[in-house]
Structure formats: structure tokens, C-alpha cells
């Protein structure tokens, strides 16, 4: 493992402030996130398919191909959750490629393995148990808001990618708070989705996770901060592509 960079070389960049409704400090954040995802793992694919009207897998596959995933690629999927990206990637890279799903939630990875993900590792973004220069591509789908420090995570991503390797981060970015689109998205993700989840899945934990899901989107640092953190971590040519107004695709090259 590469040592943690000293504070003088790179200040910590948290993707979120302390959300006191859910936790009061960083250890509390880690435990809250792990508990919510472990408890909600068996409901998660149903929820995400429902709230995206079944388009999530198509969009992920399209984004992966547009950003260069192809046969033979060695890919690390960080924050893999139930393995949606990993499963798509396995199909694309074929027998000559490699896909490893990494996530701190063993509950989510258990669902991923049951779904057909072949290689899983229990690990967080800030401390990846892989040698340097191993992967051609690193993905993270809708999990960036759950890391503790963007700089630590991005430095780890840079370390495990080979020279010329690519990072692709998929995220939801809220519209400006003063606009109608913001209030519509808020009503849907914080109101409708948790209510439907509770009604059909009868899980208070899954309902709470979906309320937390919106609150992390609402409080996440702006895209400019994410782009600058990629630069500071050593990546070149960071860029952001926006799809359908709210889906951000951050990419950069080692």
C-alpha cells in the first residue's frame, strides 16, 4: 500500500459535510453507511431499477463503452455494491479481461456474487489491496458521495491504474437549488422513492437508505471540487460529461 500523503501535500477533501441527522463524525459516517447498505442489500437492485424505470443498466453499459471499456480490459469496480457495473463489464471484457468488484459492504458483495460477479474484494476506496499499475480502467458508480476523503480515494485510484489507464466516476448531480428541476428531483428521490420502497419492500432500513441517498446528493461538493481533486491526485485531462441533466460522468487519465 502507498503511504497516506502528509497533510502538507494535499488537504483532505470530504465529499460531504457531517450530516447530523445520520452521524456526528467520520467513524460514525463509516458505520452508518455500512449498516444501511448491509441491511438494505437484498432490496437495493429492486429499488434502483424502480427509480430509474429500468434504464439504469442500459445507461451504465452505454457509458462504459463510450469511455473505452472493451474486450480484454482489466477493470476494478470500486464501490461496486450489488455488482451492476461489474456484471456488465464481465460481459464486455470477455475471457481475456478481468473484473474485480470492491466494496466495504459484505452484504452488498454477497448479493453481487449471487448475481454472478466472479471476483469480489471487501475494501473501501481509500485503501485498495492491490499492487500499483494493475488495472486498465477503474469505475465507481454512484458511490463517490460515500467515501471519507476524495484525495485519499483518488490517489489510490491513480496508484492502482497503469500509465494511460482511465478512471470513470458516475454520479448524480443535483440541479441548482433555486430552480424547479431541483424541487422536482428532491420530491421524487426524497419523497416518492422512499415511500414506494417502504410500501413494497417493507424495510425501514431501505427506506432510510433512500432518504440518505438524496441527502448525500443534495449536500455533495460541486463538480468543480471533484475535478480539482482529480488533478491534485495526479490525473490528467479530467472532464465531466452530463447526461439527461443530472448524470455526471467524470473521467481522467493516469
Protein backbone atom coordinates (compact mmCIF):
# COMPACT_ATOMS: atom_id res chain seq x y z
CA UNK A 1 0.00 0.00 0.00
CA UNK A 2 1.15 3.52 -0.69
CA UNK A 3 1.52 5.67 2.43
CA UNK A 4 -1.06 8.31 3.20
CA UNK A 5 0.22 11.62 1.82
CA UNK A 6 1.18 14.14 4.51
CA UNK A 7 -1.28 16.88 5.31
CA UNK A 8 1.04 19.48 3.83
CA UNK A 9 0.95 17.86 0.36
CA UNK A 10 -2.81 17.51 0.00
CA UNK A 11 -5.58 18.74 2.24
CA UNK A 12 -8.45 16.41 2.98
CA UNK A 13 -11.47 16.91 0.74
CA UNK A 14 -14.61 15.36 2.18
CA UNK A 15 -17.41 14.89 -0.38
CA UNK A 16 -20.00 15.77 2.27
CA UNK A 17 -20.30 17.79 5.45
CA UNK A 18 -21.23 15.96 8.64
CA UNK A 19 -24.91 15.04 8.21
CA UNK A 20 -26.04 15.23 11.81
CA UNK A 21 -29.35 13.52 11.06
CA UNK A 22 -27.35 10.34 10.42
CA UNK A 23 -23.92 10.64 12.08
CA UNK A 24 -21.83 13.04 14.14
CA UNK A 25 -18.27 12.27 13.00
CA UNK A 26 -16.23 10.31 10.46
CA UNK A 27 -16.25 6.97 12.34
CA UNK A 28 -20.00 7.40 12.68
CA UNK A 29 -20.31 8.02 8.96
CA UNK A 30 -18.45 4.83 8.08
CA UNK A 31 -20.56 2.76 10.45
CA UNK A 32 -23.81 4.37 9.31
CA UNK A 33 -23.08 3.73 5.63
CA UNK A 34 -22.01 0.15 6.22
CA UNK A 35 -25.04 -0.61 8.39
CA UNK A 36 -27.51 0.92 5.94
CA UNK A 37 -26.06 -0.87 2.92
CA UNK A 38 -25.67 -4.23 4.67
CA UNK A 39 -29.27 -4.10 5.90
CA UNK A 40 -30.66 -2.98 2.53
CA UNK A 41 -28.57 -5.15 0.20
CA UNK A 42 -31.33 -7.58 -0.78
CA UNK A 43 -33.65 -4.69 -1.66
CA UNK A 44 -31.16 -2.48 -3.47
CA UNK A 45 -31.42 -3.76 -7.06
CA UNK A 46 -35.22 -3.62 -6.92
CA UNK A 47 -35.11 -0.03 -5.66
CA UNK A 48 -32.62 1.23 -8.22
CA UNK A 49 -34.43 -0.49 -11.10
CA UNK A 50 -37.71 1.01 -9.91
CA UNK A 51 -36.47 4.55 -9.51
CA UNK A 52 -34.67 4.54 -12.89
CA UNK A 53 -37.66 2.94 -14.64
CA UNK A 54 -35.42 0.08 -15.71
CA UNK A 55 -32.98 2.27 -17.65
CA UNK A 56 -30.03 2.04 -15.24
CA UNK A 57 -28.32 -1.00 -16.76
CA UNK A 58 -28.66 0.34 -20.30
CA UNK A 59 -27.18 3.68 -19.28
CA UNK A 60 -24.26 2.10 -17.43
CA UNK A 61 -23.42 -0.17 -20.38
CA UNK A 62 -23.56 2.78 -22.76
CA UNK A 63 -21.33 4.92 -20.51
CA UNK A 64 -18.76 2.15 -20.09
CA UNK A 65 -18.50 1.58 -23.85
CA UNK A 66 -18.32 5.31 -24.62
CA UNK A 67 -15.43 5.66 -22.19
CA UNK A 68 -13.43 2.83 -23.70
CA UNK A 69 -14.32 -0.45 -22.00
CA UNK A 70 -13.63 -3.26 -24.46
CA UNK A 71 -12.62 -6.90 -24.73
CA UNK A 72 -9.52 -7.73 -22.71
CA UNK A 73 -9.76 -4.75 -20.32
CA UNK A 74 -8.67 -5.27 -16.72
CA UNK A 75 -11.19 -3.30 -14.66
CA UNK A 76 -11.59 -2.52 -10.96
CA UNK A 77 -15.13 -1.55 -9.93
CA UNK A 78 -14.87 0.40 -6.64
CA UNK A 79 -17.98 0.89 -4.54
CA UNK A 80 -19.40 -1.94 -6.62
CA UNK A 81 -22.42 -2.54 -4.40
CA UNK A 82 -24.55 -5.34 -5.82
CA UNK A 83 -22.30 -5.56 -8.87
CA UNK A 84 -24.39 -3.96 -11.62
CA UNK A 85 -21.38 -2.38 -13.34
CA UNK A 86 -19.22 -5.45 -12.67
CA UNK A 87 -21.73 -7.78 -14.35
CA UNK A 88 -21.96 -5.56 -17.42
CA UNK A 89 -18.18 -5.26 -17.55
CA UNK A 90 -17.70 -9.04 -17.33
CA UNK A 91 -19.79 -9.43 -20.48
CA UNK A 92 -17.83 -6.74 -22.32
CA UNK A 93 -14.24 -7.67 -21.36
CA UNK A 94 -14.72 -11.38 -22.01
CA UNK A 95 -12.42 -14.24 -21.06
CA UNK A 96 -9.24 -12.27 -21.78
CA UNK A 97 -10.19 -9.43 -19.45
CA UNK A 98 -10.63 -9.20 -15.70
CA UNK A 99 -13.23 -7.56 -13.47
CA UNK A 100 -12.91 -7.20 -9.71
CA UNK A 101 -15.71 -5.73 -7.59
CA UNK A 102 -14.59 -3.93 -4.42
CA UNK A 103 -16.94 -2.63 -1.73
CA UNK A 104 -16.79 -2.18 2.09
CA UNK A 105 -20.25 -3.77 2.49
CA UNK A 106 -20.07 -7.55 2.65
CA UNK A 107 -23.85 -7.65 2.43
CA UNK A 108 -23.81 -5.91 -0.93
CA UNK A 109 -20.98 -8.10 -2.23
CA UNK A 110 -22.89 -11.23 -1.21
CA UNK A 111 -25.73 -10.12 -3.50
CA UNK A 112 -23.17 -9.36 -6.23
CA UNK A 113 -21.75 -12.89 -6.01
CA UNK A 114 -25.24 -14.40 -6.08
CA UNK A 115 -25.91 -12.35 -9.23
CA UNK A 116 -22.84 -13.75 -10.97
CA UNK A 117 -19.93 -11.43 -10.16
CA UNK A 118 -16.90 -13.72 -10.19
CA UNK A 119 -14.30 -11.74 -8.20
CA UNK A 120 -15.11 -9.63 -5.14
CA UNK A 121 -12.95 -7.94 -2.50
CA UNK A 122 -14.15 -6.32 0.71
CA UNK A 123 -12.36 -2.96 0.62
CA UNK A 124 -13.01 0.77 0.70
CA UNK A 125 -11.90 3.31 -1.88
CA UNK A 126 -9.27 4.89 0.37
CA UNK A 127 -7.31 1.66 0.96
CA UNK A 128 -7.29 -0.68 -2.03
CA UNK A 129 -5.47 -4.02 -1.52
CA UNK A 130 -3.89 -4.16 -4.98
CA UNK A 131 -0.40 -3.60 -6.36
CA UNK A 132 0.43 -0.48 -8.32
CA UNK A 133 -0.20 -0.24 -12.07
CA UNK A 134 -2.50 -3.27 -12.20
CA UNK A 135 -5.70 -2.09 -13.91
CA UNK A 136 -6.53 -0.56 -17.30
CA UNK A 137 -9.71 1.07 -16.03
CA UNK A 138 -11.32 1.92 -12.70
CA UNK A 139 -15.02 2.64 -12.29
CA UNK A 140 -17.18 3.91 -9.46
CA UNK A 141 -20.94 4.07 -9.90
CA UNK A 142 -22.96 6.40 -7.65
CA UNK A 143 -20.75 5.78 -4.62
CA UNK A 144 -18.38 8.75 -4.61
CA UNK A 145 -20.58 10.50 -2.03
CA UNK A 146 -19.85 7.71 0.46
CA UNK A 147 -16.05 7.97 0.65
CA UNK A 148 -14.45 9.85 3.52
CA UNK A 149 -11.77 11.76 1.57
CA UNK A 150 -11.70 12.40 -2.17
CA UNK A 151 -7.94 12.95 -2.17
CA UNK A 152 -7.15 9.63 -0.47
CA UNK A 153 -9.53 7.79 -2.78
CA UNK A 154 -8.26 9.44 -5.96
CA UNK A 155 -4.61 8.87 -5.02
CA UNK A 156 -5.41 5.19 -4.54
CA UNK A 157 -7.19 5.13 -7.91
CA UNK A 158 -4.13 6.71 -9.52
CA UNK A 159 -1.80 4.22 -7.86
CA UNK A 160 -3.59 1.04 -8.98
CA UNK A 161 -4.13 2.19 -12.58
CA UNK A 162 -1.43 1.54 -15.17
CA UNK A 163 0.05 4.51 -17.04
CA UNK A 164 -2.55 5.51 -19.60
CA UNK A 165 -5.30 3.89 -17.53
CA UNK A 166 -8.64 5.63 -17.13
CA UNK A 167 -10.90 6.43 -14.19
CA UNK A 168 -14.65 6.79 -14.75
CA UNK A 169 -16.90 8.08 -11.98
CA UNK A 170 -20.67 8.02 -12.48
CA UNK A 171 -22.64 10.31 -10.17
CA UNK A 172 -25.92 12.15 -9.80
CA UNK A 173 -25.51 15.92 -9.58
CA UNK A 174 -28.41 17.95 -8.25
CA UNK A 175 -29.69 20.91 -10.27
CA UNK A 176 -29.31 24.43 -8.87
CA UNK A 177 -31.40 24.77 -5.70
CA UNK A 178 -33.38 27.79 -6.90
CA UNK A 179 -34.86 26.01 -9.93
CA UNK A 180 -37.97 23.90 -10.49
CA UNK A 181 -35.86 20.90 -11.57
CA UNK A 182 -34.26 20.79 -8.11
CA UNK A 183 -37.57 20.64 -6.28
CA UNK A 184 -38.94 18.05 -8.67
CA UNK A 185 -35.90 15.81 -8.21
CA UNK A 186 -35.98 16.32 -4.45
CA UNK A 187 -39.67 15.40 -4.26
CA UNK A 188 -39.04 12.26 -6.29
CA UNK A 189 -35.85 10.97 -4.64
CA UNK A 190 -36.57 12.03 -1.06
CA UNK A 191 -40.33 11.61 -1.07
CA UNK A 192 -41.65 9.22 -3.69
CA UNK A 193 -38.80 6.70 -3.81
CA UNK A 194 -38.56 6.13 -0.01
CA UNK A 195 -42.36 5.87 0.26
CA UNK A 196 -42.59 3.31 -2.57
CA UNK A 197 -39.66 1.43 -1.05
CA UNK A 198 -41.38 1.19 2.33
CA UNK A 199 -44.69 0.18 0.71
CA UNK A 200 -43.36 -2.61 -1.49
CA UNK A 201 -40.25 -3.80 0.37
CA UNK A 202 -41.48 -3.25 3.94
CA UNK A 203 -37.98 -2.36 5.09
CA UNK A 204 -37.40 0.66 7.32
CA UNK A 205 -33.66 0.34 6.66
CA UNK A 206 -34.12 0.50 2.89
CA UNK A 207 -36.45 3.47 3.26
CA UNK A 208 -33.87 5.24 5.42
CA UNK A 209 -31.13 4.45 2.91
CA UNK A 210 -33.08 6.14 0.13
CA UNK A 211 -33.64 9.26 2.21
CA UNK A 212 -29.90 9.27 2.93
CA UNK A 213 -29.30 8.75 -0.81
CA UNK A 214 -30.98 12.05 -1.63
CA UNK A 215 -29.41 13.93 1.27
CA UNK A 216 -25.93 12.94 0.08
CA UNK A 217 -26.76 14.11 -3.45
CA UNK A 218 -28.07 17.40 -2.07
CA UNK A 219 -25.00 18.03 0.11
CA UNK A 220 -22.26 16.71 -2.19
CA UNK A 221 -19.40 19.02 -3.14
CA UNK A 222 -19.81 20.72 -6.56
CA UNK A 223 -18.41 19.20 -9.74
CA UNK A 224 -15.55 21.70 -9.81
CA UNK A 225 -14.25 20.33 -6.49
CA UNK A 226 -14.29 16.77 -7.80
CA UNK A 227 -12.44 17.81 -10.97
CA UNK A 228 -9.81 19.69 -8.98
CA UNK A 229 -9.31 16.74 -6.63
CA UNK A 230 -8.64 14.50 -9.65
CA UNK A 231 -5.99 16.98 -10.84
CA UNK A 232 -4.38 17.18 -7.42
CA UNK A 233 -4.26 13.38 -7.23
CA UNK A 234 -2.13 13.32 -10.39
CA UNK A 235 -4.71 12.61 -13.10
CA UNK A 236 -4.52 14.34 -16.47
CA UNK A 237 -7.28 15.86 -18.58
CA UNK A 238 -10.17 15.47 -16.11
CA UNK A 239 -13.51 16.09 -17.79
CA UNK A 240 -17.21 15.95 -16.99
CA UNK A 241 -19.94 14.86 -19.35
CA UNK A 242 -23.54 15.47 -18.27
CA UNK A 243 -26.34 13.17 -19.44
CA UNK A 244 -30.05 13.95 -19.02
CA UNK A 245 -29.24 16.99 -16.94
CA UNK A 246 -28.31 15.19 -13.72
CA UNK A 247 -25.99 12.27 -14.52
CA UNK A 248 -22.33 13.29 -14.31
CA UNK A 249 -19.60 11.20 -15.92
CA UNK A 250 -16.21 12.26 -14.55
CA UNK A 251 -13.23 10.82 -16.39
CA UNK A 252 -9.47 11.30 -16.30
CA UNK A 253 -6.27 9.51 -17.35
CA UNK A 254 -3.16 8.44 -15.48
